[in-house]
Amino acid sequence: MRWSSAAAEGGKGGLRAVVVAMPTADLARRLPTVTATADAVVLDTPPGHVATVRAAITAAQVVVVPMAPTLLDLDRVSATLDLARDANRPAVILLNRTRARTRSLAGVREALDAAELPVLSVDVPQREAVATAWGLLVAGELRQLYQPIIDELQGALANLNNQSSEEQP
């Protein structure tokens, strides 16, 4: 998890975040001791490690599944969504590395819609600024790209929290 070291360094433009590598099956048990004072926690998991992904989903309030508009990713995304559904966690797909007005993006969106899978209305376009921002603070052009995504996620999370509080006695 070299990206976590880069993100935690906090040098000029660094993410300046507390980053903890914790790819374990008992993540949900360990996480509160590390994140007790955090406003938000992002759990990033390696693809294909089912036990680690399941542990992260169990510890999460909401699951965001990044997905490139490729047939390979389309084939694999349902496994993560199934894990989220099994854990009773809301999940949504975030399309990334997209190129506007391409057949690949249109085809994947059509397939996701046909399968009635939840997809954010905004996506992360393929940009050099995104590719070179590894471990850096999101600012400038990147902030403009990600702000609509952040807004949509925050709105969805607020709706979930409102629904939760209405269901409690």
Protein backbone atom coordinates (compact mmCIF):
# COMPACT_ATOMS: atom_id res chain seq x y z
CA MET A 1 0.00 0.00 0.00
CA ARG A 2 2.60 2.49 -1.14
CA TRP A 3 -0.06 5.10 -1.93
CA SER A 4 -0.91 5.30 1.77
CA SER A 5 2.67 6.31 2.61
CA ALA A 6 2.61 9.00 -0.08
CA ALA A 7 -0.77 10.28 1.12
CA ALA A 8 0.27 10.41 4.77
CA GLU A 9 3.55 12.26 4.25
CA GLY A 10 1.83 15.64 4.09
CA GLY A 11 4.59 17.34 2.13
CA LYS A 12 3.77 20.12 -0.27
CA GLY A 13 0.37 19.23 -1.69
CA GLY A 14 0.22 15.95 0.22
CA LEU A 15 -3.07 14.61 1.48
CA ARG A 16 -2.07 15.18 5.11
CA ALA A 17 -4.37 12.43 6.30
CA VAL A 18 -3.97 9.70 8.82
CA VAL A 19 -3.50 6.60 6.71
CA VAL A 20 -3.47 3.16 8.28
CA ALA A 21 -2.88 -0.04 6.37
CA MET A 22 -5.29 -2.51 7.91
CA PRO A 23 -6.21 -5.16 5.33
CA THR A 24 -7.60 -7.64 7.84
CA ALA A 25 -10.79 -9.67 8.14
CA ASP A 26 -11.51 -8.09 11.56
CA LEU A 27 -11.36 -4.51 10.28
CA ALA A 28 -14.77 -3.61 11.75
CA ARG A 29 -13.51 -4.49 15.24
CA ARG A 30 -10.19 -2.63 14.89
CA LEU A 31 -11.37 0.46 13.04
CA PRO A 32 -13.05 2.37 15.90
CA THR A 33 -9.79 2.60 17.85
CA VAL A 34 -8.14 4.33 14.90
CA THR A 35 -11.02 6.52 13.70
CA ALA A 36 -12.75 7.65 16.90
CA THR A 37 -12.08 11.35 16.22
CA ALA A 38 -12.37 11.31 12.42
CA ASP A 39 -15.05 13.26 10.58
CA ALA A 40 -14.88 10.84 7.66
CA VAL A 41 -13.11 7.58 6.94
CA VAL A 42 -12.30 6.20 3.51
CA LEU A 43 -11.65 2.47 3.26
CA ASP A 44 -9.73 1.51 0.13
CA THR A 45 -9.46 -2.18 -0.59
CA PRO A 46 -7.49 -4.22 -3.06
CA PRO A 47 -9.67 -5.77 -5.75
CA GLY A 48 -10.20 -9.49 -5.56
CA HIS A 49 -9.43 -9.91 -1.84
CA VAL A 50 -12.90 -11.02 -0.75
CA ALA A 51 -12.21 -11.23 3.00
CA THR A 52 -10.70 -7.72 3.08
CA VAL A 53 -13.46 -6.26 0.90
CA ARG A 54 -16.13 -7.91 3.07
CA ALA A 55 -14.49 -6.54 6.23
CA ALA A 56 -14.40 -3.02 4.79
CA ILE A 57 -18.02 -3.23 3.69
CA THR A 58 -19.06 -4.42 7.14
CA ALA A 59 -17.29 -1.43 8.70
CA ALA A 60 -18.71 1.09 6.20
CA GLN A 61 -21.88 3.18 6.28
CA VAL A 62 -21.99 3.39 2.49
CA VAL A 63 -20.03 1.56 -0.21
CA VAL A 64 -18.69 3.41 -3.25
CA VAL A 65 -17.46 1.03 -5.93
CA PRO A 66 -15.12 2.70 -8.43
CA MET A 67 -15.41 1.19 -11.87
CA ALA A 68 -13.85 1.95 -15.22
CA PRO A 69 -16.18 1.65 -18.22
CA THR A 70 -14.74 -1.67 -19.38
CA LEU A 71 -16.22 -5.11 -19.86
CA LEU A 72 -13.74 -6.49 -17.31
CA ASP A 73 -14.94 -4.10 -14.59
CA LEU A 74 -18.56 -4.62 -15.59
CA ASP A 75 -18.09 -8.35 -15.10
CA ARG A 76 -16.54 -7.88 -11.65
CA VAL A 77 -18.67 -5.13 -10.10
CA SER A 78 -21.61 -7.35 -9.17
CA ALA A 79 -19.47 -9.37 -6.74
CA THR A 80 -18.78 -6.26 -4.64
CA LEU A 81 -22.38 -5.10 -4.85
CA ASP A 82 -23.49 -8.57 -3.71
CA LEU A 83 -21.19 -8.33 -0.67
CA ALA A 84 -22.68 -4.92 0.18
CA ARG A 85 -26.21 -6.25 -0.19
CA ASP A 86 -25.35 -9.25 2.04
CA ALA A 87 -24.03 -6.83 4.68
CA ASN A 88 -27.14 -4.63 4.32
CA ARG A 89 -25.04 -1.63 3.25
CA PRO A 90 -26.11 0.86 0.60
CA ALA A 91 -23.77 0.78 -2.39
CA VAL A 92 -23.29 2.85 -5.50
CA ILE A 93 -21.01 2.64 -8.52
CA LEU A 94 -18.70 5.55 -9.35
CA LEU A 95 -17.58 5.40 -12.97
CA ASN A 96 -14.00 6.59 -13.32
CA ARG A 97 -11.47 7.07 -16.13
CA THR A 98 -14.38 7.90 -18.40
CA ARG A 99 -14.20 9.50 -21.84
CA ALA A 100 -17.28 11.45 -22.86
CA ARG A 101 -19.27 10.38 -25.89
CA THR A 102 -17.55 7.00 -26.33
CA ARG A 103 -19.14 3.67 -27.09
CA SER A 104 -17.49 2.10 -24.06
CA LEU A 105 -19.05 4.59 -21.64
CA ALA A 106 -22.46 4.48 -23.32
CA GLY A 107 -22.42 0.68 -23.43
CA VAL A 108 -21.46 0.29 -19.78
CA ARG A 109 -24.04 2.86 -18.64
CA GLU A 110 -26.68 1.04 -20.69
CA ALA A 111 -25.71 -2.33 -19.18
CA LEU A 112 -25.71 -0.92 -15.63
CA ASP A 113 -29.11 0.69 -16.21
CA ALA A 114 -30.51 -2.54 -17.70
CA ALA A 115 -29.26 -4.45 -14.64
CA GLU A 116 -30.82 -1.76 -12.41
CA LEU A 117 -27.52 -1.22 -10.62
CA PRO A 118 -27.05 2.01 -8.66
CA VAL A 119 -24.70 4.46 -10.41
CA LEU A 120 -23.77 8.00 -9.41
CA SER A 121 -25.01 10.53 -11.93
CA VAL A 122 -21.55 12.11 -12.16
CA ASP A 123 -18.31 10.35 -13.01
CA VAL A 124 -14.55 10.92 -12.94
CA PRO A 125 -13.29 11.73 -16.42
CA GLN A 126 -9.95 10.49 -17.63
CA ARG A 127 -7.57 13.37 -17.04
CA GLU A 128 -3.83 13.66 -16.68
CA ALA A 129 -4.40 15.65 -13.47
CA VAL A 130 -6.17 12.66 -11.94
CA ALA A 131 -3.50 10.20 -13.06
CA THR A 132 -0.69 12.30 -11.56
CA ALA A 133 -2.47 13.16 -8.28
CA TRP A 134 -1.47 9.96 -6.51
CA GLY A 135 -1.34 10.75 -2.78
CA LEU A 136 -2.02 14.48 -3.22
CA LEU A 137 -4.60 16.81 -1.77
CA VAL A 138 -7.59 17.33 -4.06
CA ALA A 139 -7.41 20.98 -5.12
CA GLY A 140 -7.82 23.21 -8.16
CA GLU A 141 -8.94 21.30 -11.26
CA LEU A 142 -9.24 18.06 -9.29
CA ARG A 143 -11.50 19.73 -6.73
CA GLN A 144 -13.75 20.90 -9.58
CA LEU A 145 -13.89 17.34 -10.94
CA TYR A 146 -14.64 15.73 -7.59
CA GLN A 147 -16.89 18.35 -5.94
CA PRO A 148 -20.10 17.20 -7.72
CA ILE A 149 -19.29 13.62 -6.67
CA ILE A 150 -18.71 14.69 -3.07
CA ASP A 151 -21.95 16.68 -3.11
CA GLU A 152 -23.95 13.74 -4.48
CA LEU A 153 -22.45 11.34 -1.93
CA GLN A 154 -23.07 13.73 0.96
CA GLY A 155 -26.68 14.19 -0.15
CA ALA A 156 -27.20 10.45 -0.38
CA LEU A 157 -25.62 9.92 3.03
CA ALA A 158 -27.81 12.63 4.57
CA ASN A 159 -30.88 10.91 3.10
CA LEU A 160 -29.75 7.58 4.57
CA ASN A 161 -29.20 9.18 7.97
CA ASN A 162 -32.64 10.82 7.84
CA GLN A 163 -34.28 7.53 6.93
CA SER A 164 -32.42 5.80 9.77
CA SER A 165 -33.50 8.35 12.37
CA GLU A 166 -37.13 8.18 11.16
CA GLU A 167 -37.15 4.38 11.55
CA GLN A 168 -35.93 4.49 15.16
CA PRO A 169 -38.52 4.91 17.93
